[in-house]
Structures are given as structure tokens and as C-alpha cells.
Amino acid sequence: MSAPSTLAAERVKTARPYWLPLTLFCLGHFLVDLSSSALGTMQPVLLERFRLSYTQAGILAGVLVFSSSVIQPVYGYLSDRWHSRLFTVLGPAMAGIFIATLGWAPGYAGLLAMVALGGTGIASFHPQAAANAVAHVRQNRARAMAVFVSSGSLGMAAGPLFFGALTKGGTLARTPWGRLPGLLMTVLMAAFAGLIAFPLIGFLLALKLPK
């Protein structure tokens, strides 16, 4: 009678630590996709702020799709080749910083560059995170992957609400606050991965905040 109980206890003890990285990857996925859905909410204000045409606004959206989705296989290849955790760790911060601070762009060229860099953070996160999120899950791996995928969908659904609140009143003055969740996520993931220097960089980047 004791042998099955002992075996079950050992399985629980062995499996439990693997849910911590899965939880971190899910939170990171949520926040990365939170930023990926922000542009649509911010576009009406960007149109007025930068005097954009509808064509220019459409190009911005196209640049985000290309840099965040189409180019993901490139980052999957680089991740397989270099095995660097920075692809995952820096993704939430890059997405949050460059998307949330679009109002600081000096002009349309700056907007394009910032959207592309934000998309780079989104693209670099996904392949490695998807591969590693369930890498050590011993049981119910399909369910764990479903949770990971759903966390990104929840982020995309929450993005318009989050950034809609920050752009309330037709201004971008408060949107830089939107980079804080991604920055804090990068600090947390960097600490978990043992990358000591990057939490300090994250805190330094968070110092310049809107009033």
C-alpha cells in the first residue's frame, strides 16, 4: 500500500518545480502579446499626433506583423544555433519599451524603427519560449502547451483594454507606463535564468517615467 503512495509523492515532488518555468513563460507570453495588440489601439492617436495618412498607418501595421510574426523562423533558427536565453529574457522588455513609447518618436521614420524593434522583441520571444515552456513537463504536456498558447491569446485580448486606458483622452502621455510590465517580466526572467546584469539594466530603463 505504501509503494504506490510513495511513487505518487515522488512524481509530484519531481513534477512540481517544472511548473515554475512554465508559469514564467506564460506570464511572459501574456505580456509580449499584450504589447503586440497595442498598436491598433494607439493608431487613432498616432494618426493625429504625427499627421499620418491611412497608407502610412497601414504600413506601420504591416511592419509590426512582419517584424513580430513573419520573421519568427529566423529567431527560431538563431535560438537553435546559439542557445542563448536572451532571446526569451529580453523579449518582454523590448516589446514593452518600443511599443509603449511610440509617442516619443521624432517622426514617421522613428515610428517605423520603433515598431520594428518592438516587433523584434515579440518575434525573438516566441520560438524559444514555445520550445522551452513545456520542455521539462513530464505529464499532461499538451495541456501545458495549451495553457501557454492561451496566455498569449489572453494578452492580445487584454492589450486594447490596457492601452485604451492609457490613451484615454486622446493623448500618449501615459503610454510609457505600459512598458513597466514587460520590464519587470524581463527582470524576473533574468533573475530566474541567473543573468545578473540584466535586472540592473531593466531598472535603469524604468527610471524615466511620465509624470
C-alpha atoms as a PDB file:
ATOM      1  CA  MET A   1       0.000   0.000   0.000  1.00  0.00           C
ATOM      2  CA  SER A   2       2.820   2.376   0.758  1.00  0.00           C
ATOM      3  CA  ALA A   3       4.703   1.801  -2.511  1.00  0.00           C
ATOM      4  CA  PRO A   4       2.091   3.450  -4.801  1.00  0.00           C
ATOM      5  CA  SER A   5       1.726   6.341  -2.360  1.00  0.00           C
ATOM      6  CA  THR A   6       5.468   6.829  -2.250  1.00  0.00           C
ATOM      7  CA  LEU A   7       5.679   6.675  -6.044  1.00  0.00           C
ATOM      8  CA  ALA A   8       2.879   9.253  -6.401  1.00  0.00           C
ATOM      9  CA  ALA A   9       4.557  11.530  -3.886  1.00  0.00           C
ATOM     10  CA  GLU A  10       7.849  11.266  -5.760  1.00  0.00           C
ATOM     11  CA  ARG A  11       6.116  12.121  -9.046  1.00  0.00           C
ATOM     12  CA  VAL A  12       4.510  15.198  -7.508  1.00  0.00           C
ATOM     13  CA  LYS A  13       7.807  16.225  -5.952  1.00  0.00           C
ATOM     14  CA  THR A  14       9.614  15.772  -9.266  1.00  0.00           C
ATOM     15  CA  ALA A  15       6.998  17.485 -11.437  1.00  0.00           C
ATOM     16  CA  ARG A  16       6.263  20.465  -9.219  1.00  0.00           C
ATOM     17  CA  PRO A  17       9.420  22.525  -9.999  1.00  0.00           C
ATOM     18  CA  TYR A  18       8.719  22.294 -13.738  1.00  0.00           C
ATOM     19  CA  TRP A  19       5.598  24.431 -13.350  1.00  0.00           C
ATOM     20  CA  LEU A  20       7.599  27.436 -12.201  1.00  0.00           C
ATOM     21  CA  PRO A  21       9.330  27.997 -15.569  1.00  0.00           C
ATOM     22  CA  LEU A  22       6.036  27.249 -17.343  1.00  0.00           C
ATOM     23  CA  THR A  23       4.348  29.942 -15.265  1.00  0.00           C
ATOM     24  CA  LEU A  24       7.105  32.423 -16.098  1.00  0.00           C
ATOM     25  CA  PHE A  25       6.872  31.635 -19.812  1.00  0.00           C
ATOM     26  CA  CYS A  26       3.086  32.037 -19.693  1.00  0.00           C
ATOM     27  CA  LEU A  27       3.356  35.416 -17.970  1.00  0.00           C
ATOM     28  CA  GLY A  28       5.992  36.481 -20.476  1.00  0.00           C
ATOM     29  CA  HIS A  29       3.785  35.323 -23.352  1.00  0.00           C
ATOM     30  CA  PHE A  30       0.851  37.269 -21.924  1.00  0.00           C
ATOM     31  CA  LEU A  31       2.874  40.483 -21.656  1.00  0.00           C
ATOM     32  CA  VAL A  32       4.599  40.144 -25.035  1.00  0.00           C
ATOM     33  CA  ASP A  33       1.264  39.696 -26.800  1.00  0.00           C
ATOM     34  CA  LEU A  34      -0.219  42.483 -24.683  1.00  0.00           C
ATOM     35  CA  SER A  35       2.249  44.792 -26.436  1.00  0.00           C
ATOM     36  CA  SER A  36       1.660  43.191 -29.835  1.00  0.00           C
ATOM     37  CA  SER A  37      -2.003  44.234 -29.784  1.00  0.00           C
ATOM     38  CA  ALA A  38      -1.326  47.801 -28.596  1.00  0.00           C
ATOM     39  CA  LEU A  39      -0.679  49.422 -31.973  1.00  0.00           C
ATOM     40  CA  GLY A  40      -4.265  49.159 -33.161  1.00  0.00           C
ATOM     41  CA  THR A  41      -5.464  50.949 -30.036  1.00  0.00           C
ATOM     42  CA  MET A  42      -2.827  53.656 -30.327  1.00  0.00           C
ATOM     43  CA  GLN A  43      -3.184  54.265 -34.067  1.00  0.00           C
ATOM     44  CA  PRO A  44      -6.001  56.856 -33.892  1.00  0.00           C
ATOM     45  CA  VAL A  45      -3.873  58.980 -31.553  1.00  0.00           C
ATOM     46  CA  LEU A  46      -0.745  58.374 -33.663  1.00  0.00           C
ATOM     47  CA  LEU A  47      -2.650  59.474 -36.779  1.00  0.00           C
ATOM     48  CA  GLU A  48      -3.442  62.806 -35.187  1.00  0.00           C
ATOM     49  CA  ARG A  49      -0.150  63.268 -33.376  1.00  0.00           C
ATOM     50  CA  PHE A  50       2.086  62.608 -36.396  1.00  0.00           C
ATOM     51  CA  ARG A  51      -0.331  63.688 -39.132  1.00  0.00           C
ATOM     52  CA  LEU A  52      -0.227  60.236 -40.703  1.00  0.00           C
ATOM     53  CA  SER A  53      -2.134  59.186 -43.780  1.00  0.00           C
ATOM     54  CA  TYR A  54      -4.093  55.940 -43.753  1.00  0.00           C
ATOM     55  CA  THR A  55      -1.432  54.446 -46.007  1.00  0.00           C
ATOM     56  CA  GLN A  56       1.301  55.336 -43.519  1.00  0.00           C
ATOM     57  CA  ALA A  57      -0.752  53.875 -40.682  1.00  0.00           C
ATOM     58  CA  GLY A  58      -1.239  50.684 -42.696  1.00  0.00           C
ATOM     59  CA  ILE A  59       2.496  50.446 -43.336  1.00  0.00           C
ATOM     60  CA  LEU A  60       3.103  50.719 -39.588  1.00  0.00           C
ATOM     61  CA  ALA A  61       0.777  47.775 -39.009  1.00  0.00           C
ATOM     62  CA  GLY A  62       2.499  45.821 -41.785  1.00  0.00           C
ATOM     63  CA  VAL A  63       5.929  46.462 -40.278  1.00  0.00           C
ATOM     64  CA  LEU A  64       4.697  45.166 -36.926  1.00  0.00           C
ATOM     65  CA  VAL A  65       3.254  42.000 -38.478  1.00  0.00           C
ATOM     66  CA  PHE A  66       6.458  41.354 -40.444  1.00  0.00           C
ATOM     67  CA  SER A  67       8.855  42.045 -37.575  1.00  0.00           C
ATOM     68  CA  SER A  68       6.811  40.191 -34.947  1.00  0.00           C
ATOM     69  CA  SER A  69       5.415  37.214 -36.872  1.00  0.00           C
ATOM     70  CA  VAL A  70       6.798  36.616 -40.357  1.00  0.00           C
ATOM     71  CA  ILE A  71      10.398  36.749 -39.166  1.00  0.00           C
ATOM     72  CA  GLN A  72       9.916  34.332 -36.244  1.00  0.00           C
ATOM     73  CA  PRO A  73      11.519  31.377 -38.104  1.00  0.00           C
ATOM     74  CA  VAL A  74      14.741  33.402 -38.262  1.00  0.00           C
ATOM     75  CA  TYR A  75      14.786  33.726 -34.484  1.00  0.00           C
ATOM     76  CA  GLY A  76      13.905  30.060 -34.154  1.00  0.00           C
ATOM     77  CA  TYR A  77      16.984  29.227 -36.246  1.00  0.00           C
ATOM     78  CA  LEU A  78      19.185  31.615 -34.237  1.00  0.00           C
ATOM     79  CA  SER A  79      17.866  30.230 -30.970  1.00  0.00           C
ATOM     80  CA  ASP A  80      18.660  26.665 -32.054  1.00  0.00           C
ATOM     81  CA  ARG A  81      22.114  27.745 -33.178  1.00  0.00           C
ATOM     82  CA  TRP A  82      23.196  29.906 -30.233  1.00  0.00           C
ATOM     83  CA  HIS A  83      21.025  28.540 -27.384  1.00  0.00           C
ATOM     84  CA  SER A  84      21.046  31.943 -25.707  1.00  0.00           C
ATOM     85  CA  ARG A  85      18.411  32.627 -23.069  1.00  0.00           C
ATOM     86  CA  LEU A  86      18.471  36.298 -24.026  1.00  0.00           C
ATOM     87  CA  PHE A  87      16.045  35.621 -26.895  1.00  0.00           C
ATOM     88  CA  THR A  88      13.380  34.904 -24.285  1.00  0.00           C
ATOM     89  CA  VAL A  89      14.545  37.117 -21.438  1.00  0.00           C
ATOM     90  CA  LEU A  90      14.797  40.379 -23.370  1.00  0.00           C
ATOM     91  CA  GLY A  91      11.635  39.884 -25.437  1.00  0.00           C
ATOM     92  CA  PRO A  92       9.091  41.332 -22.959  1.00  0.00           C
ATOM     93  CA  ALA A  93      11.246  44.404 -22.238  1.00  0.00           C
ATOM     94  CA  MET A  94      11.923  45.152 -25.909  1.00  0.00           C
ATOM     95  CA  ALA A  95       8.257  44.776 -26.834  1.00  0.00           C
ATOM     96  CA  GLY A  96       7.110  46.917 -23.933  1.00  0.00           C
ATOM     97  CA  ILE A  97       9.703  49.670 -24.293  1.00  0.00           C
ATOM     98  CA  PHE A  98       9.437  50.316 -28.011  1.00  0.00           C
ATOM     99  CA  ILE A  99       5.671  49.901 -28.389  1.00  0.00           C
ATOM    100  CA  ALA A 100       4.669  51.838 -25.284  1.00  0.00           C
ATOM    101  CA  THR A 101       6.935  54.796 -26.090  1.00  0.00           C
ATOM    102  CA  LEU A 102       5.854  55.351 -29.695  1.00  0.00           C
ATOM    103  CA  GLY A 103       4.757  58.837 -28.672  1.00  0.00           C
ATOM    104  CA  TRP A 104       8.418  59.729 -28.173  1.00  0.00           C
ATOM    105  CA  ALA A 105       9.286  59.062 -31.816  1.00  0.00           C
ATOM    106  CA  PRO A 106      10.799  62.105 -33.566  1.00  0.00           C
ATOM    107  CA  GLY A 107       8.817  61.446 -36.739  1.00  0.00           C
ATOM    108  CA  TYR A 108       7.439  58.797 -39.073  1.00  0.00           C
ATOM    109  CA  ALA A 109      10.835  57.195 -39.690  1.00  0.00           C
ATOM    110  CA  GLY A 110      11.274  56.923 -35.948  1.00  0.00           C
ATOM    111  CA  LEU A 111       7.846  55.322 -35.636  1.00  0.00           C
ATOM    112  CA  LEU A 112       8.788  52.706 -38.225  1.00  0.00           C
ATOM    113  CA  ALA A 113      12.060  51.946 -36.440  1.00  0.00           C
ATOM    114  CA  MET A 114      10.430  51.678 -33.011  1.00  0.00           C
ATOM    115  CA  VAL A 115       7.622  49.442 -34.281  1.00  0.00           C
ATOM    116  CA  ALA A 116      10.209  47.196 -35.959  1.00  0.00           C
ATOM    117  CA  LEU A 117      12.284  46.980 -32.768  1.00  0.00           C
ATOM    118  CA  GLY A 118       9.195  46.237 -30.682  1.00  0.00           C
ATOM    119  CA  GLY A 119       8.259  43.539 -33.177  1.00  0.00           C
ATOM    120  CA  THR A 120      11.772  42.120 -32.881  1.00  0.00           C
ATOM    121  CA  GLY A 121      11.229  41.617 -29.153  1.00  0.00           C
ATOM    122  CA  ILE A 122       7.937  39.848 -29.853  1.00  0.00           C
ATOM    123  CA  ALA A 123       9.444  37.634 -32.557  1.00  0.00           C
ATOM    124  CA  SER A 124      12.540  36.685 -30.579  1.00  0.00           C
ATOM    125  CA  PHE A 125      10.472  35.593 -27.572  1.00  0.00           C
ATOM    126  CA  HIS A 126       8.047  33.181 -29.212  1.00  0.00           C
ATOM    127  CA  PRO A 127      10.153  30.347 -30.751  1.00  0.00           C
ATOM    128  CA  GLN A 128      12.412  29.754 -27.763  1.00  0.00           C
ATOM    129  CA  ALA A 129       9.630  30.233 -25.217  1.00  0.00           C
ATOM    130  CA  ALA A 130       7.338  27.813 -27.043  1.00  0.00           C
ATOM    131  CA  ALA A 131      10.112  25.212 -27.158  1.00  0.00           C
ATOM    132  CA  ASN A 132      11.139  25.605 -23.523  1.00  0.00           C
ATOM    133  CA  ALA A 133       7.790  26.225 -21.830  1.00  0.00           C
ATOM    134  CA  VAL A 134       6.929  22.519 -21.698  1.00  0.00           C
ATOM    135  CA  ALA A 135      10.407  21.068 -22.160  1.00  0.00           C
ATOM    136  CA  HIS A 136      10.507  19.649 -18.623  1.00  0.00           C
ATOM    137  CA  VAL A 137       6.822  18.915 -18.113  1.00  0.00           C
ATOM    138  CA  ARG A 138       6.579  15.158 -17.584  1.00  0.00           C
ATOM    139  CA  GLN A 139       2.816  14.716 -17.663  1.00  0.00           C
ATOM    140  CA  ASN A 140      -0.047  16.453 -19.477  1.00  0.00           C
ATOM    141  CA  ARG A 141       2.347  18.214 -21.831  1.00  0.00           C
ATOM    142  CA  ALA A 142      -0.418  19.012 -24.335  1.00  0.00           C
ATOM    143  CA  ARG A 143      -2.448  20.685 -21.603  1.00  0.00           C
ATOM    144  CA  ALA A 144       0.581  22.709 -20.512  1.00  0.00           C
ATOM    145  CA  MET A 145       1.171  23.842 -24.104  1.00  0.00           C
ATOM    146  CA  ALA A 146      -2.495  24.821 -24.388  1.00  0.00           C
ATOM    147  CA  VAL A 147      -2.106  26.983 -21.277  1.00  0.00           C
ATOM    148  CA  PHE A 148       0.979  28.609 -22.784  1.00  0.00           C
ATOM    149  CA  VAL A 149      -0.784  29.352 -26.077  1.00  0.00           C
ATOM    150  CA  SER A 150      -3.894  30.646 -24.307  1.00  0.00           C
ATOM    151  CA  SER A 151      -1.811  33.016 -22.180  1.00  0.00           C
ATOM    152  CA  GLY A 152      -0.728  34.789 -25.356  1.00  0.00           C
ATOM    153  CA  SER A 153      -4.312  34.978 -26.607  1.00  0.00           C
ATOM    154  CA  LEU A 154      -5.370  36.495 -23.299  1.00  0.00           C
ATOM    155  CA  GLY A 155      -2.600  39.067 -23.668  1.00  0.00           C
ATOM    156  CA  MET A 156      -3.821  40.029 -27.130  1.00  0.00           C
ATOM    157  CA  ALA A 157      -7.367  40.363 -25.796  1.00  0.00           C
ATOM    158  CA  ALA A 158      -6.250  42.468 -22.828  1.00  0.00           C
ATOM    159  CA  GLY A 159      -3.945  44.744 -24.844  1.00  0.00           C
ATOM    160  CA  PRO A 160      -6.666  47.048 -26.230  1.00  0.00           C
ATOM    161  CA  LEU A 161      -8.192  47.418 -22.766  1.00  0.00           C
ATOM    162  CA  PHE A 162      -4.851  48.154 -21.124  1.00  0.00           C
ATOM    163  CA  PHE A 163      -3.572  50.599 -23.718  1.00  0.00           C
ATOM    164  CA  GLY A 164      -7.052  52.013 -24.246  1.00  0.00           C
ATOM    165  CA  ALA A 165      -6.997  53.117 -20.608  1.00  0.00           C
ATOM    166  CA  LEU A 166      -3.545  54.662 -21.084  1.00  0.00           C
ATOM    167  CA  THR A 167      -4.662  56.601 -24.182  1.00  0.00           C
ATOM    168  CA  LYS A 168      -7.913  57.779 -22.637  1.00  0.00           C
ATOM    169  CA  GLY A 169      -8.430  61.404 -23.550  1.00  0.00           C
ATOM    170  CA  GLY A 170      -6.660  61.065 -26.888  1.00  0.00           C
ATOM    171  CA  THR A 171      -3.143  61.507 -25.535  1.00  0.00           C
ATOM    172  CA  LEU A 172       0.004  59.367 -25.482  1.00  0.00           C
ATOM    173  CA  ALA A 173       1.397  60.997 -22.345  1.00  0.00           C
ATOM    174  CA  ARG A 174       0.617  57.991 -20.145  1.00  0.00           C
ATOM    175  CA  THR A 175       1.504  55.179 -22.546  1.00  0.00           C
ATOM    176  CA  PRO A 176       5.157  54.927 -21.359  1.00  0.00           C
ATOM    177  CA  TRP A 177       3.741  53.386 -18.181  1.00  0.00           C
ATOM    178  CA  GLY A 178       2.847  50.465 -20.417  1.00  0.00           C
ATOM    179  CA  ARG A 179       6.477  49.355 -20.611  1.00  0.00           C
ATOM    180  CA  LEU A 180       6.701  48.598 -16.888  1.00  0.00           C
ATOM    181  CA  PRO A 181       5.066  45.132 -17.001  1.00  0.00           C
ATOM    182  CA  GLY A 182       7.448  43.983 -19.726  1.00  0.00           C
ATOM    183  CA  LEU A 183      10.451  45.447 -17.940  1.00  0.00           C
ATOM    184  CA  LEU A 184       9.527  43.763 -14.668  1.00  0.00           C
ATOM    185  CA  MET A 185       8.963  40.482 -16.506  1.00  0.00           C
ATOM    186  CA  THR A 186      12.419  40.702 -18.052  1.00  0.00           C
ATOM    187  CA  VAL A 187      13.930  41.389 -14.619  1.00  0.00           C
ATOM    188  CA  LEU A 188      12.100  38.385 -13.173  1.00  0.00           C
ATOM    189  CA  MET A 189      13.093  36.058 -16.007  1.00  0.00           C
ATOM    190  CA  ALA A 190      16.683  37.295 -15.940  1.00  0.00           C
ATOM    191  CA  ALA A 191      16.891  36.625 -12.214  1.00  0.00           C
ATOM    192  CA  PHE A 192      15.407  33.156 -12.716  1.00  0.00           C
ATOM    193  CA  ALA A 193      17.890  32.439 -15.521  1.00  0.00           C
ATOM    194  CA  GLY A 194      20.826  33.675 -13.448  1.00  0.00           C
ATOM    195  CA  LEU A 195      21.641  36.601 -15.745  1.00  0.00           C
ATOM    196  CA  ILE A 196      22.722  39.061 -13.072  1.00  0.00           C
ATOM    197  CA  ALA A 197      23.413  42.168 -15.163  1.00  0.00           C
ATOM    198  CA  PHE A 198      20.079  42.393 -16.924  1.00  0.00           C
ATOM    199  CA  PRO A 199      17.893  43.141 -13.892  1.00  0.00           C
ATOM    200  CA  LEU A 200      20.058  46.239 -13.309  1.00  0.00           C
ATOM    201  CA  ILE A 201      19.596  47.318 -16.933  1.00  0.00           C
ATOM    202  CA  GLY A 202      15.851  46.857 -16.566  1.00  0.00           C
ATOM    203  CA  PHE A 203      15.651  49.071 -13.511  1.00  0.00           C
ATOM    204  CA  LEU A 204      17.736  51.777 -15.196  1.00  0.00           C
ATOM    205  CA  LEU A 205      15.447  51.748 -18.235  1.00  0.00           C
ATOM    206  CA  ALA A 206      12.429  52.115 -15.948  1.00  0.00           C
ATOM    207  CA  LEU A 207      13.690  55.309 -14.300  1.00  0.00           C
ATOM    208  CA  LYS A 208      12.476  57.758 -16.953  1.00  0.00           C
ATOM    209  CA  LEU A 209       8.736  57.727 -16.469  1.00  0.00           C
ATOM    210  CA  PRO A 210       5.994  60.178 -17.427  1.00  0.00           C
ATOM    211  CA  LYS A 211       4.681  62.473 -14.764  1.00  0.00           C
END
